[in-house]
Amino acid sequence: RPSLDLKFGSHRVSLAAKLAYAHQSYREKSSDDVWVNPSLSWRWEASARSTIDFTGSYETSPLSMNNIFDTPVFTNYRSMKVNRGEPDLRHDLKANVTYRFEDPLSGLFFFVKPELMRSSGSILYQGMLSDDNIYTSKASDFTSTSTVASLSSRVSKTFSWAKTIIGIGGSVSQNDYEYLINTTLADGRALSADLSVDYS
């Protein structure tokens, strides 16, 4: 994978790109695709105590044969899966930024990290139960797009005189996704959050 590394002042930047080609063929259907998977990382040492890191990437990948062939396959003794029998591609975008503050003299440490992940091209399946109680997941004509945005953070303080560390951390995440209701594409959203306090 070709890459370029740069350093100027308190900044370090790394660029990389991978050129890829895939030929997929199944029965009478085939595809030829060429794409580039780029990635970027950047670090800024803003001060002796503070750093900012960014990483981002965009990746394209072909479906595996397990997600292409349309011959019914039992996943267990009561369930089977049937694909569309068509080659296709998935796309994944990832990006995050991390800010860190570390001061060993005062015993104060802090970080915050927003993150974004977006995926598209995942096949949606429809579930059907047959008269003999065999559950079949059959690939539909729809693909889904999902976006996950999250934020995590933590702050801690060391009290050397008491040999004690107290920390507070937490995160919040939102997942926007698509799913099937019968033959209709619908939007869904899931939210989660957590908070923790530790003492040692």
C-alpha atoms as a PDB file:
ATOM      1  CA  ARG A   1       0.000   0.000   0.000  1.00  0.00           C
ATOM      2  CA  PRO A   2       1.606   3.317  -1.079  1.00  0.00           C
ATOM      3  CA  SER A   3       1.911   5.833   1.758  1.00  0.00           C
ATOM      4  CA  LEU A   4       3.244   9.317   2.382  1.00  0.00           C
ATOM      5  CA  ASP A   5       4.516  10.468   5.777  1.00  0.00           C
ATOM      6  CA  LEU A   6       4.996  14.156   6.503  1.00  0.00           C
ATOM      7  CA  LYS A   7       6.291  15.972   9.566  1.00  0.00           C
ATOM      8  CA  PHE A   8       6.316  19.730   9.972  1.00  0.00           C
ATOM      9  CA  GLY A   9       6.632  21.488  13.289  1.00  0.00           C
ATOM     10  CA  SER A  10       4.399  19.799  15.831  1.00  0.00           C
ATOM     11  CA  HIS A  11       2.326  18.050  13.142  1.00  0.00           C
ATOM     12  CA  ARG A  12       2.671  14.543  11.747  1.00  0.00           C
ATOM     13  CA  VAL A  13       0.548  13.429   8.805  1.00  0.00           C
ATOM     14  CA  SER A  14       0.331  10.006   7.183  1.00  0.00           C
ATOM     15  CA  LEU A  15      -1.526   9.409   3.921  1.00  0.00           C
ATOM     16  CA  ALA A  16      -2.096   5.979   2.407  1.00  0.00           C
ATOM     17  CA  ALA A  17      -4.062   4.617  -0.517  1.00  0.00           C
ATOM     18  CA  LYS A  18      -4.701   1.085  -1.732  1.00  0.00           C
ATOM     19  CA  LEU A  19      -5.754   0.453  -5.326  1.00  0.00           C
ATOM     20  CA  ALA A  20      -7.910  -2.653  -5.634  1.00  0.00           C
ATOM     21  CA  TYR A  21      -9.619  -4.649  -8.372  1.00  0.00           C
ATOM     22  CA  ALA A  22     -12.169  -7.428  -8.063  1.00  0.00           C
ATOM     23  CA  HIS A  23     -13.741  -9.695 -10.667  1.00  0.00           C
ATOM     24  CA  GLN A  24     -16.824 -11.480  -9.383  1.00  0.00           C
ATOM     25  CA  SER A  25     -18.798 -14.023 -11.334  1.00  0.00           C
ATOM     26  CA  TYR A  26     -21.730 -16.204 -10.325  1.00  0.00           C
ATOM     27  CA  ARG A  27     -23.914 -18.086 -12.785  1.00  0.00           C
ATOM     28  CA  GLU A  28     -24.717 -15.667 -15.612  1.00  0.00           C
ATOM     29  CA  LYS A  29     -23.901 -12.504 -13.619  1.00  0.00           C
ATOM     30  CA  SER A  30     -20.476 -10.937 -13.290  1.00  0.00           C
ATOM     31  CA  SER A  31     -18.870  -7.634 -12.343  1.00  0.00           C
ATOM     32  CA  ASP A  32     -15.501  -5.937 -12.677  1.00  0.00           C
ATOM     33  CA  ASP A  33     -14.760  -3.180 -10.180  1.00  0.00           C
ATOM     34  CA  VAL A  34     -11.777  -0.940  -9.493  1.00  0.00           C
ATOM     35  CA  TRP A  35     -11.582   1.305  -6.436  1.00  0.00           C
ATOM     36  CA  VAL A  36      -9.214   3.139  -4.098  1.00  0.00           C
ATOM     37  CA  ASN A  37      -9.241   2.720  -0.304  1.00  0.00           C
ATOM     38  CA  PRO A  38      -7.719   5.909   1.202  1.00  0.00           C
ATOM     39  CA  SER A  39      -6.746   6.554   4.804  1.00  0.00           C
ATOM     40  CA  LEU A  40      -5.446   9.572   6.696  1.00  0.00           C
ATOM     41  CA  SER A  41      -3.937  10.041  10.139  1.00  0.00           C
ATOM     42  CA  TRP A  42      -2.844  13.321  11.694  1.00  0.00           C
ATOM     43  CA  ARG A  43      -1.296  14.123  15.060  1.00  0.00           C
ATOM     44  CA  TRP A  44      -0.824  17.604  16.470  1.00  0.00           C
ATOM     45  CA  GLU A  45       1.194  18.022  19.626  1.00  0.00           C
ATOM     46  CA  ALA A  46      -0.488  21.259  20.586  1.00  0.00           C
ATOM     47  CA  SER A  47       1.567  21.647  23.772  1.00  0.00           C
ATOM     48  CA  ALA A  48       3.673  19.647  26.182  1.00  0.00           C
ATOM     49  CA  ARG A  49       0.442  18.410  27.786  1.00  0.00           C
ATOM     50  CA  SER A  50      -2.054  18.340  24.910  1.00  0.00           C
ATOM     51  CA  THR A  51      -2.308  16.243  21.752  1.00  0.00           C
ATOM     52  CA  ILE A  52      -4.956  15.913  19.057  1.00  0.00           C
ATOM     53  CA  ASP A  53      -5.185  12.787  16.886  1.00  0.00           C
ATOM     54  CA  PHE A  54      -7.380  12.287  13.822  1.00  0.00           C
ATOM     55  CA  THR A  55      -7.811   9.085  11.828  1.00  0.00           C
ATOM     56  CA  GLY A  56     -10.100   8.545   8.870  1.00  0.00           C
ATOM     57  CA  SER A  57     -10.573   5.876   6.233  1.00  0.00           C
ATOM     58  CA  TYR A  58     -12.919   4.871   3.443  1.00  0.00           C
ATOM     59  CA  GLU A  59     -12.995   1.223   2.453  1.00  0.00           C
ATOM     60  CA  THR A  60     -14.752  -0.615  -0.347  1.00  0.00           C
ATOM     61  CA  SER A  61     -14.915  -4.400  -0.285  1.00  0.00           C
ATOM     62  CA  PRO A  62     -16.664  -7.077  -2.363  1.00  0.00           C
ATOM     63  CA  LEU A  63     -19.243  -9.373  -0.833  1.00  0.00           C
ATOM     64  CA  SER A  64     -17.934 -12.755   0.228  1.00  0.00           C
ATOM     65  CA  MET A  65     -19.215 -15.822  -1.591  1.00  0.00           C
ATOM     66  CA  ASN A  66     -21.208 -16.720   1.541  1.00  0.00           C
ATOM     67  CA  ASN A  67     -23.292 -13.608   0.824  1.00  0.00           C
ATOM     68  CA  ILE A  68     -23.614 -14.156  -2.934  1.00  0.00           C
ATOM     69  CA  PHE A  69     -24.569 -17.734  -3.837  1.00  0.00           C
ATOM     70  CA  ASP A  70     -28.326 -18.291  -3.927  1.00  0.00           C
ATOM     71  CA  THR A  71     -28.369 -21.985  -3.097  1.00  0.00           C
ATOM     72  CA  PRO A  72     -30.304 -22.477   0.170  1.00  0.00           C
ATOM     73  CA  VAL A  73     -27.873 -23.231   2.994  1.00  0.00           C
ATOM     74  CA  PHE A  74     -28.845 -24.459   6.431  1.00  0.00           C
ATOM     75  CA  THR A  75     -27.245 -22.310   9.169  1.00  0.00           C
ATOM     76  CA  ASN A  76     -28.580 -24.752  11.758  1.00  0.00           C
ATOM     77  CA  TYR A  77     -31.089 -27.587  11.716  1.00  0.00           C
ATOM     78  CA  ARG A  78     -34.088 -25.195  11.761  1.00  0.00           C
ATOM     79  CA  SER A  79     -32.806 -22.177   9.798  1.00  0.00           C
ATOM     80  CA  MET A  80     -31.627 -21.579   6.263  1.00  0.00           C
ATOM     81  CA  LYS A  81     -30.272 -18.626   4.311  1.00  0.00           C
ATOM     82  CA  VAL A  82     -30.861 -17.720   0.655  1.00  0.00           C
ATOM     83  CA  ASN A  83     -28.862 -14.951  -1.044  1.00  0.00           C
ATOM     84  CA  ARG A  84     -29.622 -12.957  -4.199  1.00  0.00           C
ATOM     85  CA  GLY A  85     -26.977 -14.578  -6.363  1.00  0.00           C
ATOM     86  CA  GLU A  86     -25.523 -11.206  -7.383  1.00  0.00           C
ATOM     87  CA  PRO A  87     -22.010  -9.812  -6.826  1.00  0.00           C
ATOM     88  CA  ASP A  88     -21.949  -6.456  -5.064  1.00  0.00           C
ATOM     89  CA  LEU A  89     -19.800  -4.090  -2.983  1.00  0.00           C
ATOM     90  CA  ARG A  90     -19.868  -2.743   0.569  1.00  0.00           C
ATOM     91  CA  HIS A  91     -18.657   0.687   1.639  1.00  0.00           C
ATOM     92  CA  ASP A  92     -17.381   1.721   5.083  1.00  0.00           C
ATOM     93  CA  LEU A  93     -16.409   5.193   6.291  1.00  0.00           C
ATOM     94  CA  LYS A  94     -14.676   5.661   9.659  1.00  0.00           C
ATOM     95  CA  ALA A  95     -13.418   8.840  11.315  1.00  0.00           C
ATOM     96  CA  ASN A  96     -12.504   9.857  14.845  1.00  0.00           C
ATOM     97  CA  VAL A  97     -10.756  12.656  16.701  1.00  0.00           C
ATOM     98  CA  THR A  98      -9.115  12.275  20.110  1.00  0.00           C
ATOM     99  CA  TYR A  99      -8.043  15.147  22.333  1.00  0.00           C
ATOM    100  CA  ARG A 100      -5.791  14.264  25.275  1.00  0.00           C
ATOM    101  CA  PHE A 101      -4.563  16.360  28.169  1.00  0.00           C
ATOM    102  CA  GLU A 102      -1.985  14.803  30.479  1.00  0.00           C
ATOM    103  CA  ASP A 103      -0.295  16.627  33.330  1.00  0.00           C
ATOM    104  CA  PRO A 104       1.649  14.205  35.554  1.00  0.00           C
ATOM    105  CA  LEU A 105       2.759  17.009  37.888  1.00  0.00           C
ATOM    106  CA  SER A 106      -0.782  17.995  38.835  1.00  0.00           C
ATOM    107  CA  GLY A 107      -2.117  14.457  38.388  1.00  0.00           C
ATOM    108  CA  LEU A 108      -4.839  15.589  35.988  1.00  0.00           C
ATOM    109  CA  PHE A 109      -5.666  13.477  32.917  1.00  0.00           C
ATOM    110  CA  PHE A 110      -8.457  14.021  30.404  1.00  0.00           C
ATOM    111  CA  PHE A 111      -9.544  12.804  26.979  1.00  0.00           C
ATOM    112  CA  VAL A 112     -12.556  13.247  24.705  1.00  0.00           C
ATOM    113  CA  LYS A 113     -13.216  11.271  21.530  1.00  0.00           C
ATOM    114  CA  PRO A 114     -16.003  11.854  18.982  1.00  0.00           C
ATOM    115  CA  GLU A 115     -16.332   9.084  16.387  1.00  0.00           C
ATOM    116  CA  LEU A 116     -18.346   8.460  13.229  1.00  0.00           C
ATOM    117  CA  MET A 117     -18.894   5.184  11.356  1.00  0.00           C
ATOM    118  CA  ARG A 118     -21.053   4.810   8.262  1.00  0.00           C
ATOM    119  CA  SER A 119     -21.679   1.581   6.334  1.00  0.00           C
ATOM    120  CA  SER A 120     -23.668   0.966   3.172  1.00  0.00           C
ATOM    121  CA  GLY A 121     -24.310  -1.971   0.892  1.00  0.00           C
ATOM    122  CA  SER A 122     -25.364  -4.534   3.491  1.00  0.00           C
ATOM    123  CA  ILE A 123     -28.114  -6.788   2.142  1.00  0.00           C
ATOM    124  CA  LEU A 124     -31.390  -6.847   4.052  1.00  0.00           C
ATOM    125  CA  TYR A 125     -33.096 -10.210   4.542  1.00  0.00           C
ATOM    126  CA  GLN A 126     -36.750 -11.159   4.903  1.00  0.00           C
ATOM    127  CA  GLY A 127     -37.714 -13.887   7.330  1.00  0.00           C
ATOM    128  CA  MET A 128     -40.286 -16.558   6.522  1.00  0.00           C
ATOM    129  CA  LEU A 129     -41.481 -19.566   8.508  1.00  0.00           C
ATOM    130  CA  SER A 130     -42.553 -22.584   6.488  1.00  0.00           C
ATOM    131  CA  ASP A 131     -45.281 -25.090   7.375  1.00  0.00           C
ATOM    132  CA  ASP A 132     -42.645 -27.539   8.598  1.00  0.00           C
ATOM    133  CA  ASN A 133     -41.198 -24.868  10.956  1.00  0.00           C
ATOM    134  CA  ILE A 134     -38.091 -24.097   8.918  1.00  0.00           C
ATOM    135  CA  TYR A 135     -37.103 -20.436   9.235  1.00  0.00           C
ATOM    136  CA  THR A 136     -35.718 -18.983   5.989  1.00  0.00           C
ATOM    137  CA  SER A 137     -33.817 -15.705   5.687  1.00  0.00           C
ATOM    138  CA  LYS A 138     -34.152 -14.646   2.057  1.00  0.00           C
ATOM    139  CA  ALA A 139     -32.212 -11.746   0.583  1.00  0.00           C
ATOM    140  CA  SER A 140     -34.401  -8.842  -0.509  1.00  0.00           C
ATOM    141  CA  ASP A 141     -33.742  -6.274  -3.235  1.00  0.00           C
ATOM    142  CA  PHE A 142     -32.843  -3.712  -0.555  1.00  0.00           C
ATOM    143  CA  THR A 143     -29.498  -2.789   0.952  1.00  0.00           C
ATOM    144  CA  SER A 144     -29.101  -0.836   4.171  1.00  0.00           C
ATOM    145  CA  THR A 145     -27.146   2.186   5.291  1.00  0.00           C
ATOM    146  CA  SER A 146     -26.240   2.638   8.948  1.00  0.00           C
ATOM    147  CA  THR A 147     -24.567   5.561  10.717  1.00  0.00           C
ATOM    148  CA  VAL A 148     -23.143   5.375  14.222  1.00  0.00           C
ATOM    149  CA  ALA A 149     -22.079   8.593  15.967  1.00  0.00           C
ATOM    150  CA  SER A 150     -20.533   8.378  19.415  1.00  0.00           C
ATOM    151  CA  LEU A 151     -18.788  10.495  22.000  1.00  0.00           C
ATOM    152  CA  SER A 152     -16.668   9.161  24.848  1.00  0.00           C
ATOM    153  CA  SER A 153     -14.731  11.009  27.528  1.00  0.00           C
ATOM    154  CA  ARG A 154     -12.893  10.486  30.801  1.00  0.00           C
ATOM    155  CA  VAL A 155     -11.251  12.692  33.399  1.00  0.00           C
ATOM    156  CA  SER A 156      -9.150  11.485  36.313  1.00  0.00           C
ATOM    157  CA  LYS A 157      -7.202  13.080  39.137  1.00  0.00           C
ATOM    158  CA  THR A 158      -4.354  11.594  41.089  1.00  0.00           C
ATOM    159  CA  PHE A 159      -3.900  12.563  44.716  1.00  0.00           C
ATOM    160  CA  SER A 160      -0.328  11.525  45.438  1.00  0.00           C
ATOM    161  CA  TRP A 161      -0.510  12.431  49.120  1.00  0.00           C
ATOM    162  CA  ALA A 162      -3.347   9.930  49.559  1.00  0.00           C
ATOM    163  CA  LYS A 163      -2.111   7.478  46.902  1.00  0.00           C
ATOM    164  CA  THR A 164      -5.564   7.734  45.338  1.00  0.00           C
ATOM    165  CA  ILE A 165      -6.962   8.061  41.803  1.00  0.00           C
ATOM    166  CA  ILE A 166     -10.534   9.201  41.144  1.00  0.00           C
ATOM    167  CA  GLY A 167     -11.926   9.029  37.627  1.00  0.00           C
ATOM    168  CA  ILE A 168     -15.196   9.794  35.878  1.00  0.00           C
ATOM    169  CA  GLY A 169     -15.946   8.536  32.386  1.00  0.00           C
ATOM    170  CA  GLY A 170     -18.870   8.120  30.067  1.00  0.00           C
ATOM    171  CA  SER A 171     -20.065   7.702  26.534  1.00  0.00           C
ATOM    172  CA  VAL A 172     -23.121   8.317  24.396  1.00  0.00           C
ATOM    173  CA  SER A 173     -23.914   6.666  21.069  1.00  0.00           C
ATOM    174  CA  GLN A 174     -26.580   7.021  18.401  1.00  0.00           C
ATOM    175  CA  ASN A 175     -27.155   4.410  15.691  1.00  0.00           C
ATOM    176  CA  ASP A 176     -29.345   5.320  12.705  1.00  0.00           C
ATOM    177  CA  TYR A 177     -30.123   2.309  10.521  1.00  0.00           C
ATOM    178  CA  GLU A 178     -32.557   0.869   7.992  1.00  0.00           C
ATOM    179  CA  TYR A 179     -34.605  -2.310   8.251  1.00  0.00           C
ATOM    180  CA  LEU A 180     -37.451  -4.105   6.504  1.00  0.00           C
ATOM    181  CA  ILE A 181     -41.077  -4.219   7.583  1.00  0.00           C
ATOM    182  CA  ASN A 182     -42.548  -6.801   5.225  1.00  0.00           C
ATOM    183  CA  THR A 183     -41.421  -5.299   1.889  1.00  0.00           C
ATOM    184  CA  THR A 184     -41.069  -1.679   3.028  1.00  0.00           C
ATOM    185  CA  LEU A 185     -37.802  -0.023   3.972  1.00  0.00           C
ATOM    186  CA  ALA A 186     -38.025   1.761   7.334  1.00  0.00           C
ATOM    187  CA  ASP A 187     -35.711   3.912   9.435  1.00  0.00           C
ATOM    188  CA  GLY A 188     -34.671   3.005  12.961  1.00  0.00           C
ATOM    189  CA  ARG A 189     -32.674   4.661  15.711  1.00  0.00           C
ATOM    190  CA  ALA A 190     -30.996   3.309  18.825  1.00  0.00           C
ATOM    191  CA  LEU A 191     -29.522   5.419  21.619  1.00  0.00           C
ATOM    192  CA  SER A 192     -27.243   4.328  24.438  1.00  0.00           C
ATOM    193  CA  ALA A 193     -25.315   6.085  27.198  1.00  0.00           C
ATOM    194  CA  ASP A 194     -23.243   5.089  30.179  1.00  0.00           C
ATOM    195  CA  LEU A 195     -21.474   6.786  33.058  1.00  0.00           C
ATOM    196  CA  SER A 196     -18.889   5.344  35.406  1.00  0.00           C
ATOM    197  CA  VAL A 197     -16.984   6.508  38.486  1.00  0.00           C
ATOM    198  CA  ASP A 198     -13.921   4.674  39.710  1.00  0.00           C
ATOM    199  CA  TYR A 199     -11.745   4.974  42.764  1.00  0.00           C
ATOM    200  CA  SER A 200      -8.479   3.297  43.487  1.00  0.00           C
END
